[in-house]
Amino acid sequence: MADVLRGLADKQEITEVIYRYGRALDRMDRELARSIWHSDGTTDYGPMFEGTADGFLDWVWKAHAVMARHSHQMTNILIEVDGDTAVSESYVTVALRTLPDADGNATEIEARGRYADRWSRRDGRWAIDHRRFIDDLHREHAVEPIAEDEGDSRRDRSDPSYEVLG
């Protein structure tokens, strides 16, 4: 029974790391995003980016800087744990809304894919050793720009969620 409980606890810890990734990107919280990987973690996002986790964060921060808003959701999380290593697949849907261009036009990008992650527990902390993004679907369409004062969502630590989650 202790092994079953340990396995369930490990899977829950890994699941929460996966969820924190979406929160980190949507709130543009670089420190939180960095905590997803081990210091020597790597990523493979196909033709978009391949390299270190730090290099990926540099790349994705620039890509997200031209967005007005974005929202990442992770679902269908499957995890297999083997001692202090694990593998997982999780589905991701992301909606990104660009800032208006010079003509005042905005675009919404919707991407659906999966993260195939390799994990390890080091010093009691689960983090990603390597992430591969698998691109399933992608579409873009013209939309109305978001007004600066539209909604409560913020892309920093002034977002209301930090009042409850810190």
Protein backbone atom coordinates (compact mmCIF):
# COMPACT_ATOMS: atom_id res chain seq x y z
CA MET A 1 0.00 0.00 0.00
CA ALA A 2 2.85 2.41 0.75
CA ASP A 3 4.20 1.93 -2.81
CA VAL A 4 0.79 2.72 -4.29
CA LEU A 5 0.48 5.89 -2.21
CA ARG A 6 4.04 6.96 -3.11
CA GLY A 7 3.27 6.41 -6.80
CA LEU A 8 0.08 8.46 -6.56
CA ALA A 9 1.89 11.25 -4.71
CA ASP A 10 4.63 11.27 -7.37
CA LYS A 11 2.04 11.50 -10.15
CA GLN A 12 0.29 14.37 -8.38
CA GLU A 13 3.55 16.27 -7.92
CA ILE A 14 4.37 15.86 -11.63
CA THR A 15 0.85 16.90 -12.63
CA GLU A 16 1.15 20.10 -10.62
CA VAL A 17 4.47 20.91 -12.32
CA ILE A 18 2.74 20.49 -15.70
CA TYR A 19 -0.05 22.83 -14.60
CA ARG A 20 2.44 25.39 -13.23
CA TYR A 21 4.01 25.61 -16.68
CA GLY A 22 0.76 26.96 -18.16
CA ARG A 23 0.36 29.41 -15.31
CA ALA A 24 3.95 30.56 -15.64
CA LEU A 25 3.60 31.33 -19.36
CA ASP A 26 0.20 32.98 -19.05
CA ARG A 27 1.35 35.21 -16.20
CA MET A 28 4.80 35.74 -17.80
CA ASP A 29 6.37 34.54 -14.55
CA ARG A 30 9.88 33.60 -15.66
CA GLU A 31 10.98 32.34 -12.25
CA LEU A 32 8.02 29.97 -12.07
CA ALA A 33 8.62 28.83 -15.66
CA ARG A 34 12.27 28.10 -14.92
CA SER A 35 11.29 25.86 -12.02
CA ILE A 36 9.64 23.39 -14.41
CA TRP A 37 13.00 22.04 -15.64
CA HIS A 38 16.14 20.85 -13.92
CA SER A 39 19.11 23.18 -14.46
CA ASP A 40 20.37 20.99 -17.33
CA GLY A 41 16.90 20.48 -18.86
CA THR A 42 16.37 20.57 -22.61
CA THR A 43 13.51 21.08 -25.05
CA ASP A 44 12.60 20.11 -28.61
CA TYR A 45 9.81 22.19 -30.14
CA GLY A 46 10.59 20.98 -33.66
CA PRO A 47 11.37 23.74 -36.16
CA MET A 48 10.43 26.46 -33.63
CA PHE A 49 13.18 25.76 -31.07
CA GLU A 50 15.54 23.05 -29.90
CA GLY A 51 18.03 23.50 -27.09
CA THR A 52 18.32 24.22 -23.39
CA ALA A 53 15.41 25.13 -21.14
CA ASP A 54 17.00 28.55 -20.56
CA GLY A 55 17.33 29.09 -24.31
CA PHE A 56 13.71 28.04 -24.77
CA LEU A 57 12.54 30.52 -22.14
CA ASP A 58 14.49 33.30 -23.89
CA TRP A 59 12.79 32.34 -27.16
CA VAL A 60 9.26 31.94 -25.78
CA TRP A 61 9.46 35.20 -23.79
CA LYS A 62 10.20 37.10 -27.02
CA ALA A 63 7.42 35.25 -28.86
CA HIS A 64 4.88 35.99 -26.10
CA ALA A 65 5.95 39.64 -25.74
CA VAL A 66 4.06 40.47 -28.97
CA MET A 67 0.86 38.96 -27.58
CA ALA A 68 -1.91 40.80 -25.78
CA ARG A 69 -3.00 37.64 -23.96
CA HIS A 70 -2.55 33.89 -24.01
CA SER A 71 -4.12 30.93 -22.28
CA HIS A 72 -2.63 27.45 -21.93
CA GLN A 73 -4.62 24.41 -20.80
CA MET A 74 -3.14 21.00 -20.07
CA THR A 75 -5.32 17.88 -20.12
CA ASN A 76 -5.22 14.10 -20.67
CA ILE A 77 -2.15 13.72 -18.50
CA LEU A 78 -0.69 10.22 -18.45
CA ILE A 79 2.31 9.51 -16.21
CA GLU A 80 4.43 6.42 -15.67
CA VAL A 81 6.75 6.51 -12.65
CA ASP A 82 9.74 4.22 -12.15
CA GLY A 83 11.49 5.10 -8.90
CA ASP A 84 13.11 8.51 -9.33
CA THR A 85 12.38 8.75 -13.06
CA ALA A 86 9.14 9.18 -14.95
CA VAL A 87 7.69 9.84 -18.38
CA SER A 88 4.48 11.65 -19.25
CA GLU A 89 2.29 12.76 -22.10
CA SER A 90 -0.02 15.72 -21.66
CA TYR A 91 -2.23 17.46 -24.17
CA VAL A 92 -1.96 21.23 -24.49
CA THR A 93 -4.29 23.76 -26.05
CA VAL A 94 -3.08 27.32 -26.29
CA ALA A 95 -4.90 30.41 -27.52
CA LEU A 96 -2.75 33.45 -28.24
CA ARG A 97 -4.08 36.90 -29.15
CA THR A 98 -1.62 39.27 -30.83
CA LEU A 99 -1.29 42.94 -30.08
CA PRO A 100 -2.82 45.11 -32.82
CA ASP A 101 -0.58 45.67 -35.84
CA ALA A 102 -0.01 49.08 -37.46
CA ASP A 103 -3.45 48.85 -39.08
CA GLY A 104 -5.18 47.93 -35.80
CA ASN A 105 -5.70 44.28 -36.75
CA ALA A 106 -5.18 41.39 -34.35
CA THR A 107 -4.87 37.66 -34.85
CA GLU A 108 -5.83 34.76 -32.65
CA ILE A 109 -3.65 31.69 -32.87
CA GLU A 110 -4.93 28.38 -31.59
CA ALA A 111 -2.51 25.50 -31.28
CA ARG A 112 -3.12 21.99 -30.02
CA GLY A 113 -0.39 19.55 -29.28
CA ARG A 114 1.19 17.29 -26.72
CA TYR A 115 4.16 17.39 -24.38
CA ALA A 116 6.17 14.18 -24.18
CA ASP A 117 8.30 14.72 -21.08
CA ARG A 118 11.10 12.81 -19.37
CA TRP A 119 11.36 13.53 -15.64
CA SER A 120 13.60 12.86 -12.72
CA ARG A 121 13.38 13.47 -9.00
CA ARG A 122 16.54 15.13 -7.75
CA ASP A 123 16.96 16.21 -4.14
CA GLY A 124 13.27 15.43 -3.62
CA ARG A 125 12.05 17.66 -6.49
CA TRP A 126 10.39 16.43 -9.69
CA ALA A 127 11.35 18.45 -12.77
CA ILE A 128 11.69 17.92 -16.51
CA ASP A 129 14.91 16.56 -17.97
CA HIS A 130 13.66 16.81 -21.56
CA ARG A 131 10.44 18.04 -23.16
CA ARG A 132 9.37 17.30 -26.72
CA PHE A 133 6.43 19.25 -28.11
CA ILE A 134 4.33 17.35 -30.65
CA ASP A 135 2.35 19.72 -32.88
CA ASP A 136 -1.10 18.30 -33.69
CA LEU A 137 -3.18 21.24 -35.00
CA HIS A 138 -2.65 24.93 -35.65
CA ARG A 139 -4.89 27.69 -36.97
CA GLU A 140 -4.94 31.46 -37.13
CA HIS A 141 -7.76 33.91 -37.78
CA ALA A 142 -8.40 37.65 -37.62
CA VAL A 143 -10.10 38.97 -34.45
CA GLU A 144 -10.90 42.25 -32.78
CA PRO A 145 -8.03 43.57 -30.64
CA ILE A 146 -8.39 43.28 -26.87
CA ALA A 147 -8.92 46.59 -25.07
CA GLU A 148 -6.25 47.28 -22.44
CA ASP A 149 -8.86 47.40 -19.67
CA GLU A 150 -10.77 44.29 -20.85
CA GLY A 151 -11.14 41.78 -18.03
CA ASP A 152 -9.10 41.24 -14.88
CA SER A 153 -6.39 39.05 -16.42
CA ARG A 154 -2.82 40.32 -16.09
CA ARG A 155 0.40 38.93 -17.54
CA ASP A 156 2.43 39.47 -14.39
CA ARG A 157 2.25 39.01 -10.62
CA SER A 158 -0.49 41.64 -10.35
CA ASP A 159 -2.92 39.00 -11.70
CA PRO A 160 -5.63 38.28 -9.10
CA SER A 161 -4.55 34.62 -8.89
CA TYR A 162 -1.42 35.67 -6.97
CA GLU A 163 -3.68 36.93 -4.18
CA VAL A 164 -4.68 33.34 -3.45
CA LEU A 165 -1.78 31.22 -4.76
CA GLY A 166 1.11 33.59 -4.07
